[in-house]
């Protein structure tokens, strides 16, 4: 990657990392970021093509440990927890969990059925708890661990046509605090990253219009669109021993969107 040089954290070398939704967008940058740190990374995603291309790209770049990919729908809790168990062996113990997967489908209130509502919460909220449940015992046994949940600025800003999504994202901050309190005595830290509008391929193709770009620039203190690498950089810091006393926190990467 051209551009600025970013920090390397020695404490992340050879650490086991599991990322949900790691095949594209922010998740792919998080997978790549931890791989560049020398971590052992496993990830799940619903898209095999994008995920396999990411693995091939990182292998070609000579990372110390080539990431392991599992094709999993994270709304299937049994399949997710099975993939986590398999990944735990592959990375020699999951020390870091990044609950990244989500889907920000737009919807009006009138369109929402009970089935849509439950599916939205399953994709955007439920898997974060059940992934944390799956890694907790191993982290307890090692006396250390980091769980990073992915929230969103959307519920704070009250963005339109996202009622189910913003409900999930608001709940994630409460989940973060609950997990941090319960798991803290075991040496496990739990934090939440709050991205703003991140310049991923999906967001550009599906949602970025001139009108939205103006709204973003009017709202942000920093007048540029945010690249996914800056979310990955924060995840790496929070996972590292440099952040050893950071837990139960929410950390924004939103350009100061007020």
C-alpha atoms as a PDB file:
ATOM      1  CA  UNK A   1       0.000   0.000   0.000  1.00  0.00           C
ATOM      2  CA  UNK A   2       1.356   3.423  -0.896  1.00  0.00           C
ATOM      3  CA  UNK A   3       0.930   6.313   1.473  1.00  0.00           C
ATOM      4  CA  UNK A   4       1.779   6.775   5.139  1.00  0.00           C
ATOM      5  CA  UNK A   5       3.685   4.235   7.200  1.00  0.00           C
ATOM      6  CA  UNK A   6       1.604   2.727   9.986  1.00  0.00           C
ATOM      7  CA  UNK A   7       2.561   1.291  13.366  1.00  0.00           C
ATOM      8  CA  UNK A   8       3.653  -2.294  13.910  1.00  0.00           C
ATOM      9  CA  UNK A   9       2.801  -3.805  17.304  1.00  0.00           C
ATOM     10  CA  UNK A  10       5.252  -6.513  18.421  1.00  0.00           C
ATOM     11  CA  UNK A  11       2.647  -7.946  20.807  1.00  0.00           C
ATOM     12  CA  UNK A  12       0.447  -8.947  17.832  1.00  0.00           C
ATOM     13  CA  UNK A  13       3.093 -11.128  16.220  1.00  0.00           C
ATOM     14  CA  UNK A  14       1.864 -14.761  16.145  1.00  0.00           C
ATOM     15  CA  UNK A  15      -1.332 -13.856  18.038  1.00  0.00           C
ATOM     16  CA  UNK A  16      -4.474 -15.722  16.972  1.00  0.00           C
ATOM     17  CA  UNK A  17      -7.149 -13.480  15.450  1.00  0.00           C
ATOM     18  CA  UNK A  18     -10.676 -14.294  14.273  1.00  0.00           C
ATOM     19  CA  UNK A  19     -12.653 -11.825  12.121  1.00  0.00           C
ATOM     20  CA  UNK A  20     -16.281 -12.118  11.025  1.00  0.00           C
ATOM     21  CA  UNK A  21     -17.218 -10.655   7.652  1.00  0.00           C
ATOM     22  CA  UNK A  22     -13.564 -10.554   6.665  1.00  0.00           C
ATOM     23  CA  UNK A  23     -13.872 -11.028   2.919  1.00  0.00           C
ATOM     24  CA  UNK A  24     -14.510  -7.466   1.762  1.00  0.00           C
ATOM     25  CA  UNK A  25     -14.785  -3.860   2.854  1.00  0.00           C
ATOM     26  CA  UNK A  26     -13.697  -2.962   6.372  1.00  0.00           C
ATOM     27  CA  UNK A  27     -13.394  -6.631   7.290  1.00  0.00           C
ATOM     28  CA  UNK A  28     -10.923  -7.363   4.492  1.00  0.00           C
ATOM     29  CA  UNK A  29      -8.760  -4.443   5.586  1.00  0.00           C
ATOM     30  CA  UNK A  30      -8.854  -5.724   9.179  1.00  0.00           C
ATOM     31  CA  UNK A  31      -7.787  -9.203   8.028  1.00  0.00           C
ATOM     32  CA  UNK A  32      -4.992  -7.695   5.922  1.00  0.00           C
ATOM     33  CA  UNK A  33      -3.941  -5.377   8.750  1.00  0.00           C
ATOM     34  CA  UNK A  34      -3.545  -8.181  11.267  1.00  0.00           C
ATOM     35  CA  UNK A  35      -1.763 -10.329   8.672  1.00  0.00           C
ATOM     36  CA  UNK A  36       0.715  -7.485   8.111  1.00  0.00           C
ATOM     37  CA  UNK A  37       1.261  -7.417  11.879  1.00  0.00           C
ATOM     38  CA  UNK A  38       2.392 -11.056  11.696  1.00  0.00           C
ATOM     39  CA  UNK A  39      -0.724 -12.399  13.409  1.00  0.00           C
ATOM     40  CA  UNK A  40      -2.306 -15.770  12.680  1.00  0.00           C
ATOM     41  CA  UNK A  41      -5.674 -14.830  11.190  1.00  0.00           C
ATOM     42  CA  UNK A  42      -8.821 -16.823  10.468  1.00  0.00           C
ATOM     43  CA  UNK A  43     -12.008 -15.283   9.126  1.00  0.00           C
ATOM     44  CA  UNK A  44     -15.500 -16.105   7.955  1.00  0.00           C
ATOM     45  CA  UNK A  45     -17.547 -14.548   5.206  1.00  0.00           C
ATOM     46  CA  UNK A  46     -20.527 -15.435   3.040  1.00  0.00           C
ATOM     47  CA  UNK A  47     -18.648 -14.572  -0.177  1.00  0.00           C
ATOM     48  CA  UNK A  48     -16.152 -17.227  -1.233  1.00  0.00           C
ATOM     49  CA  UNK A  49     -14.846 -15.411  -4.324  1.00  0.00           C
ATOM     50  CA  UNK A  50     -13.845 -12.200  -2.545  1.00  0.00           C
ATOM     51  CA  UNK A  51     -12.442 -14.094   0.439  1.00  0.00           C
ATOM     52  CA  UNK A  52     -10.330 -16.470  -1.627  1.00  0.00           C
ATOM     53  CA  UNK A  53      -8.992 -13.528  -3.652  1.00  0.00           C
ATOM     54  CA  UNK A  54      -7.984 -11.794  -0.410  1.00  0.00           C
ATOM     55  CA  UNK A  55      -6.163 -14.892   0.846  1.00  0.00           C
ATOM     56  CA  UNK A  56      -4.341 -15.249  -2.477  1.00  0.00           C
ATOM     57  CA  UNK A  57      -3.345 -11.577  -2.444  1.00  0.00           C
ATOM     58  CA  UNK A  58      -1.924 -11.755   1.083  1.00  0.00           C
ATOM     59  CA  UNK A  59      -0.112 -14.999   0.302  1.00  0.00           C
ATOM     60  CA  UNK A  60       1.454 -13.285  -2.714  1.00  0.00           C
ATOM     61  CA  UNK A  61       2.595 -10.430  -0.497  1.00  0.00           C
ATOM     62  CA  UNK A  62       4.489 -12.868   1.707  1.00  0.00           C
ATOM     63  CA  UNK A  63       2.733 -12.425   5.046  1.00  0.00           C
ATOM     64  CA  UNK A  64       4.164 -14.562   7.831  1.00  0.00           C
ATOM     65  CA  UNK A  65       0.916 -16.513   8.251  1.00  0.00           C
ATOM     66  CA  UNK A  66      -1.550 -16.907   5.375  1.00  0.00           C
ATOM     67  CA  UNK A  67      -5.105 -16.286   6.655  1.00  0.00           C
ATOM     68  CA  UNK A  68      -7.546 -19.188   6.913  1.00  0.00           C
ATOM     69  CA  UNK A  69     -11.007 -18.678   5.379  1.00  0.00           C
ATOM     70  CA  UNK A  70     -14.291 -20.438   6.173  1.00  0.00           C
ATOM     71  CA  UNK A  71     -17.450 -19.848   4.140  1.00  0.00           C
ATOM     72  CA  UNK A  72     -20.093 -19.267   6.827  1.00  0.00           C
ATOM     73  CA  UNK A  73     -23.400 -17.420   7.157  1.00  0.00           C
ATOM     74  CA  UNK A  74     -22.936 -15.767  10.555  1.00  0.00           C
ATOM     75  CA  UNK A  75     -26.691 -15.831  11.224  1.00  0.00           C
ATOM     76  CA  UNK A  76     -26.310 -19.620  11.563  1.00  0.00           C
ATOM     77  CA  UNK A  77     -24.996 -19.688  15.132  1.00  0.00           C
ATOM     78  CA  UNK A  78     -24.076 -23.382  15.115  1.00  0.00           C
ATOM     79  CA  UNK A  79     -22.052 -22.992  11.909  1.00  0.00           C
ATOM     80  CA  UNK A  80     -20.377 -19.845  13.244  1.00  0.00           C
ATOM     81  CA  UNK A  81     -19.363 -21.441  16.523  1.00  0.00           C
ATOM     82  CA  UNK A  82     -18.126 -24.547  14.693  1.00  0.00           C
ATOM     83  CA  UNK A  83     -15.960 -22.341  12.460  1.00  0.00           C
ATOM     84  CA  UNK A  84     -14.618 -20.579  15.536  1.00  0.00           C
ATOM     85  CA  UNK A  85     -13.676 -23.907  17.114  1.00  0.00           C
ATOM     86  CA  UNK A  86     -11.913 -25.003  13.927  1.00  0.00           C
ATOM     87  CA  UNK A  87     -10.172 -21.650  13.632  1.00  0.00           C
ATOM     88  CA  UNK A  88      -9.036 -21.780  17.258  1.00  0.00           C
ATOM     89  CA  UNK A  89      -6.968 -24.846  16.431  1.00  0.00           C
ATOM     90  CA  UNK A  90      -5.716 -23.362  13.145  1.00  0.00           C
ATOM     91  CA  UNK A  91      -4.399 -20.138  14.734  1.00  0.00           C
ATOM     92  CA  UNK A  92      -3.174 -21.868  17.903  1.00  0.00           C
ATOM     93  CA  UNK A  93      -5.707 -20.135  20.136  1.00  0.00           C
ATOM     94  CA  UNK A  94      -7.918 -17.133  19.377  1.00  0.00           C
ATOM     95  CA  UNK A  95      -6.518 -14.184  21.336  1.00  0.00           C
ATOM     96  CA  UNK A  96      -8.446 -11.510  19.414  1.00  0.00           C
ATOM     97  CA  UNK A  97     -12.047 -11.597  18.168  1.00  0.00           C
ATOM     98  CA  UNK A  98     -13.241  -8.875  15.791  1.00  0.00           C
ATOM     99  CA  UNK A  99     -17.033  -8.924  15.395  1.00  0.00           C
ATOM    100  CA  UNK A 100     -17.172  -7.045  12.106  1.00  0.00           C
ATOM    101  CA  UNK A 101     -19.909  -8.661   9.977  1.00  0.00           C
ATOM    102  CA  UNK A 102     -23.041  -6.604   9.258  1.00  0.00           C
ATOM    103  CA  UNK A 103     -25.509  -5.671   6.529  1.00  0.00           C
ATOM    104  CA  UNK A 104     -26.981  -2.177   6.355  1.00  0.00           C
ATOM    105  CA  UNK A 105     -30.019  -2.866   4.169  1.00  0.00           C
ATOM    106  CA  UNK A 106     -32.269   0.169   3.790  1.00  0.00           C
ATOM    107  CA  UNK A 107     -35.932  -0.333   4.671  1.00  0.00           C
ATOM    108  CA  UNK A 108     -39.026   1.689   5.485  1.00  0.00           C
ATOM    109  CA  UNK A 109     -40.960   0.930   8.660  1.00  0.00           C
ATOM    110  CA  UNK A 110     -43.916  -0.368   6.640  1.00  0.00           C
ATOM    111  CA  UNK A 111     -41.767  -2.919   4.808  1.00  0.00           C
ATOM    112  CA  UNK A 112     -40.483  -4.640   7.947  1.00  0.00           C
ATOM    113  CA  UNK A 113     -41.923  -8.080   8.717  1.00  0.00           C
ATOM    114  CA  UNK A 114     -41.158 -10.114  11.854  1.00  0.00           C
ATOM    115  CA  UNK A 115     -38.953 -12.352   9.703  1.00  0.00           C
ATOM    116  CA  UNK A 116     -36.981  -9.388   8.311  1.00  0.00           C
ATOM    117  CA  UNK A 117     -36.577  -7.936  11.805  1.00  0.00           C
ATOM    118  CA  UNK A 118     -35.242 -11.174  13.276  1.00  0.00           C
ATOM    119  CA  UNK A 119     -32.883 -11.726  10.321  1.00  0.00           C
ATOM    120  CA  UNK A 120     -31.518  -8.191  10.645  1.00  0.00           C
ATOM    121  CA  UNK A 121     -30.801  -8.629  14.344  1.00  0.00           C
ATOM    122  CA  UNK A 122     -29.253 -12.044  13.689  1.00  0.00           C
ATOM    123  CA  UNK A 123     -26.853 -10.589  11.123  1.00  0.00           C
ATOM    124  CA  UNK A 124     -26.071  -7.325  12.884  1.00  0.00           C
ATOM    125  CA  UNK A 125     -26.235  -8.165  16.606  1.00  0.00           C
ATOM    126  CA  UNK A 126     -26.783 -11.777  17.661  1.00  0.00           C
ATOM    127  CA  UNK A 127     -23.614 -13.193  16.118  1.00  0.00           C
ATOM    128  CA  UNK A 128     -21.475 -10.761  18.109  1.00  0.00           C
ATOM    129  CA  UNK A 129     -22.669 -12.262  21.385  1.00  0.00           C
ATOM    130  CA  UNK A 130     -22.431 -15.881  20.251  1.00  0.00           C
ATOM    131  CA  UNK A 131     -18.950 -15.372  18.803  1.00  0.00           C
ATOM    132  CA  UNK A 132     -17.862 -13.851  22.120  1.00  0.00           C
ATOM    133  CA  UNK A 133     -19.414 -16.812  23.929  1.00  0.00           C
ATOM    134  CA  UNK A 134     -17.453 -19.204  21.705  1.00  0.00           C
ATOM    135  CA  UNK A 135     -14.044 -17.610  22.347  1.00  0.00           C
ATOM    136  CA  UNK A 136     -14.482 -16.753  26.017  1.00  0.00           C
ATOM    137  CA  UNK A 137     -13.459 -20.077  27.564  1.00  0.00           C
ATOM    138  CA  UNK A 138     -10.213 -20.273  25.604  1.00  0.00           C
ATOM    139  CA  UNK A 139      -9.365 -16.686  26.504  1.00  0.00           C
ATOM    140  CA  UNK A 140     -10.110 -17.372  30.158  1.00  0.00           C
ATOM    141  CA  UNK A 141      -7.807 -20.391  30.115  1.00  0.00           C
ATOM    142  CA  UNK A 142      -4.963 -18.254  28.717  1.00  0.00           C
ATOM    143  CA  UNK A 143      -5.727 -15.368  31.071  1.00  0.00           C
ATOM    144  CA  UNK A 144      -5.931 -12.841  28.242  1.00  0.00           C
ATOM    145  CA  UNK A 145      -8.039 -11.863  25.268  1.00  0.00           C
ATOM    146  CA  UNK A 146      -9.488  -8.997  23.289  1.00  0.00           C
ATOM    147  CA  UNK A 147     -12.978  -8.708  21.831  1.00  0.00           C
ATOM    148  CA  UNK A 148     -13.659  -5.846  19.440  1.00  0.00           C
ATOM    149  CA  UNK A 149     -17.273  -5.194  18.497  1.00  0.00           C
ATOM    150  CA  UNK A 150     -18.218  -3.070  15.505  1.00  0.00           C
ATOM    151  CA  UNK A 151     -20.882  -0.453  16.128  1.00  0.00           C
ATOM    152  CA  UNK A 152     -21.955   2.402  13.875  1.00  0.00           C
ATOM    153  CA  UNK A 153     -22.466   6.150  13.913  1.00  0.00           C
ATOM    154  CA  UNK A 154     -25.832   5.561  12.197  1.00  0.00           C
ATOM    155  CA  UNK A 155     -27.943   5.253  15.328  1.00  0.00           C
ATOM    156  CA  UNK A 156     -26.312   8.287  16.952  1.00  0.00           C
ATOM    157  CA  UNK A 157     -27.045  10.388  13.878  1.00  0.00           C
ATOM    158  CA  UNK A 158     -30.563   8.992  13.426  1.00  0.00           C
ATOM    159  CA  UNK A 159     -30.036   8.030   9.788  1.00  0.00           C
ATOM    160  CA  UNK A 160     -33.169   7.355   7.735  1.00  0.00           C
ATOM    161  CA  UNK A 161     -34.604   3.961   6.657  1.00  0.00           C
ATOM    162  CA  UNK A 162     -32.376   1.874   8.912  1.00  0.00           C
ATOM    163  CA  UNK A 163     -34.584   1.167  11.946  1.00  0.00           C
ATOM    164  CA  UNK A 164     -33.640  -2.499  12.347  1.00  0.00           C
ATOM    165  CA  UNK A 165     -29.958  -1.829  11.636  1.00  0.00           C
ATOM    166  CA  UNK A 166     -29.630   1.112  14.045  1.00  0.00           C
ATOM    167  CA  UNK A 167     -31.434  -0.863  16.763  1.00  0.00           C
ATOM    168  CA  UNK A 168     -28.765  -3.552  16.445  1.00  0.00           C
ATOM    169  CA  UNK A 169     -25.908  -1.076  16.378  1.00  0.00           C
ATOM    170  CA  UNK A 170     -27.156   0.777  19.465  1.00  0.00           C
ATOM    171  CA  UNK A 171     -27.449  -2.526  21.335  1.00  0.00           C
ATOM    172  CA  UNK A 172     -23.841  -3.422  20.525  1.00  0.00           C
ATOM    173  CA  UNK A 173     -22.597  -0.649  22.788  1.00  0.00           C
ATOM    174  CA  UNK A 174     -24.603  -2.114  25.667  1.00  0.00           C
ATOM    175  CA  UNK A 175     -23.329  -5.588  24.830  1.00  0.00           C
ATOM    176  CA  UNK A 176     -19.769  -4.269  24.897  1.00  0.00           C
ATOM    177  CA  UNK A 177     -20.186  -2.920  28.416  1.00  0.00           C
ATOM    178  CA  UNK A 178     -21.859  -6.095  29.657  1.00  0.00           C
ATOM    179  CA  UNK A 179     -19.128  -8.358  28.260  1.00  0.00           C
ATOM    180  CA  UNK A 180     -16.373  -6.066  29.523  1.00  0.00           C
ATOM    181  CA  UNK A 181     -17.747  -6.172  33.066  1.00  0.00           C
ATOM    182  CA  UNK A 182     -18.190  -9.948  33.141  1.00  0.00           C
ATOM    183  CA  UNK A 183     -14.965 -10.897  31.393  1.00  0.00           C
ATOM    184  CA  UNK A 184     -12.648  -8.241  32.816  1.00  0.00           C
ATOM    185  CA  UNK A 185     -11.665 -10.268  35.902  1.00  0.00           C
ATOM    186  CA  UNK A 186     -10.430 -12.973  33.507  1.00  0.00           C
ATOM    187  CA  UNK A 187      -8.043 -10.555  31.787  1.00  0.00           C
ATOM    188  CA  UNK A 188     -10.284 -10.120  28.736  1.00  0.00           C
ATOM    189  CA  UNK A 189     -10.788  -6.646  27.284  1.00  0.00           C
ATOM    190  CA  UNK A 190     -13.895  -5.692  25.279  1.00  0.00           C
ATOM    191  CA  UNK A 191     -14.211  -2.510  23.223  1.00  0.00           C
ATOM    192  CA  UNK A 192     -16.397  -1.103  20.469  1.00  0.00           C
ATOM    193  CA  UNK A 193     -15.333   0.726  17.312  1.00  0.00           C
ATOM    194  CA  UNK A 194     -17.804   3.244  15.867  1.00  0.00           C
ATOM    195  CA  UNK A 195     -17.098   3.860  12.183  1.00  0.00           C
ATOM    196  CA  UNK A 196     -18.571   6.766  10.289  1.00  0.00           C
ATOM    197  CA  UNK A 197     -19.095   6.610   6.545  1.00  0.00           C
ATOM    198  CA  UNK A 198     -16.239   4.409   5.350  1.00  0.00           C
ATOM    199  CA  UNK A 199     -15.166   4.485   1.701  1.00  0.00           C
ATOM    200  CA  UNK A 200     -15.629   0.807   0.836  1.00  0.00           C
ATOM    201  CA  UNK A 201     -16.478  -0.470  -2.623  1.00  0.00           C
ATOM    202  CA  UNK A 202     -19.990  -1.442  -1.482  1.00  0.00           C
ATOM    203  CA  UNK A 203     -20.731   1.956   0.045  1.00  0.00           C
ATOM    204  CA  UNK A 204     -19.460   3.760  -3.043  1.00  0.00           C
ATOM    205  CA  UNK A 205     -21.482   1.617  -5.436  1.00  0.00           C
ATOM    206  CA  UNK A 206     -24.714   1.457  -3.461  1.00  0.00           C
ATOM    207  CA  UNK A 207     -25.079   4.636  -1.461  1.00  0.00           C
ATOM    208  CA  UNK A 208     -22.534   7.380  -2.250  1.00  0.00           C
ATOM    209  CA  UNK A 209     -24.212  10.202  -4.141  1.00  0.00           C
ATOM    210  CA  UNK A 210     -23.227  13.853  -4.450  1.00  0.00           C
ATOM    211  CA  UNK A 211     -25.974  14.665  -1.947  1.00  0.00           C
ATOM    212  CA  UNK A 212     -24.689  12.137   0.598  1.00  0.00           C
ATOM    213  CA  UNK A 213     -21.114  13.294   0.095  1.00  0.00           C
ATOM    214  CA  UNK A 214     -22.201  16.857   0.908  1.00  0.00           C
ATOM    215  CA  UNK A 215     -24.017  15.620   4.032  1.00  0.00           C
ATOM    216  CA  UNK A 216     -20.874  13.776   5.150  1.00  0.00           C
ATOM    217  CA  UNK A 217     -18.584  16.755   4.548  1.00  0.00           C
ATOM    218  CA  UNK A 218     -21.021  19.118   6.268  1.00  0.00           C
ATOM    219  CA  UNK A 219     -21.138  16.792   9.293  1.00  0.00           C
ATOM    220  CA  UNK A 220     -17.469  15.830   9.583  1.00  0.00           C
ATOM    221  CA  UNK A 221     -14.803  18.050  11.084  1.00  0.00           C
ATOM    222  CA  UNK A 222     -12.275  16.462   8.690  1.00  0.00           C
ATOM    223  CA  UNK A 223     -13.284  17.065   5.080  1.00  0.00           C
ATOM    224  CA  UNK A 224     -12.371  13.794   3.413  1.00  0.00           C
ATOM    225  CA  UNK A 225     -13.889  10.349   3.015  1.00  0.00           C
ATOM    226  CA  UNK A 226     -12.471   7.740   5.393  1.00  0.00           C
ATOM    227  CA  UNK A 227     -10.489   4.806   4.005  1.00  0.00           C
ATOM    228  CA  UNK A 228     -11.056   1.353   5.630  1.00  0.00           C
ATOM    229  CA  UNK A 229      -7.409   1.170   6.708  1.00  0.00           C
ATOM    230  CA  UNK A 230      -8.067   3.689   9.475  1.00  0.00           C
ATOM    231  CA  UNK A 231     -10.641   1.386  11.066  1.00  0.00           C
ATOM    232  CA  UNK A 232      -8.167  -1.506  10.774  1.00  0.00           C
ATOM    233  CA  UNK A 233      -5.453   0.631  12.389  1.00  0.00           C
ATOM    234  CA  UNK A 234      -7.666   1.288  15.412  1.00  0.00           C
ATOM    235  CA  UNK A 235      -8.539  -2.409  15.668  1.00  0.00           C
ATOM    236  CA  UNK A 236      -4.837  -3.297  15.683  1.00  0.00           C
ATOM    237  CA  UNK A 237      -4.104  -0.772  18.435  1.00  0.00           C
ATOM    238  CA  UNK A 238      -6.999  -1.959  20.610  1.00  0.00           C
ATOM    239  CA  UNK A 239      -5.910  -5.584  20.133  1.00  0.00           C
ATOM    240  CA  UNK A 240      -2.300  -4.848  21.044  1.00  0.00           C
ATOM    241  CA  UNK A 241      -0.719  -4.767  24.483  1.00  0.00           C
ATOM    242  CA  UNK A 242      -0.265  -1.006  23.986  1.00  0.00           C
ATOM    243  CA  UNK A 243      -3.984  -0.752  24.834  1.00  0.00           C
ATOM    244  CA  UNK A 244      -3.785  -3.123  27.814  1.00  0.00           C
ATOM    245  CA  UNK A 245      -5.846  -0.875  30.103  1.00  0.00           C
ATOM    246  CA  UNK A 246      -8.494   0.037  27.523  1.00  0.00           C
ATOM    247  CA  UNK A 247     -11.796  -1.757  27.986  1.00  0.00           C
ATOM    248  CA  UNK A 248     -15.529  -1.047  27.989  1.00  0.00           C
ATOM    249  CA  UNK A 249     -14.819   1.833  25.612  1.00  0.00           C
ATOM    250  CA  UNK A 250     -16.267   3.183  22.381  1.00  0.00           C
ATOM    251  CA  UNK A 251     -13.810   4.616  19.874  1.00  0.00           C
ATOM    252  CA  UNK A 252     -14.930   6.557  16.824  1.00  0.00           C
ATOM    253  CA  UNK A 253     -13.422   6.627  13.348  1.00  0.00           C
ATOM    254  CA  UNK A 254     -15.821   9.121  11.816  1.00  0.00           C
ATOM    255  CA  UNK A 255     -13.820  12.214  10.905  1.00  0.00           C
ATOM    256  CA  UNK A 256     -15.504  14.037  13.787  1.00  0.00           C
ATOM    257  CA  UNK A 257     -19.046  13.700  12.430  1.00  0.00           C
ATOM    258  CA  UNK A 258     -21.073  15.953  14.711  1.00  0.00           C
END
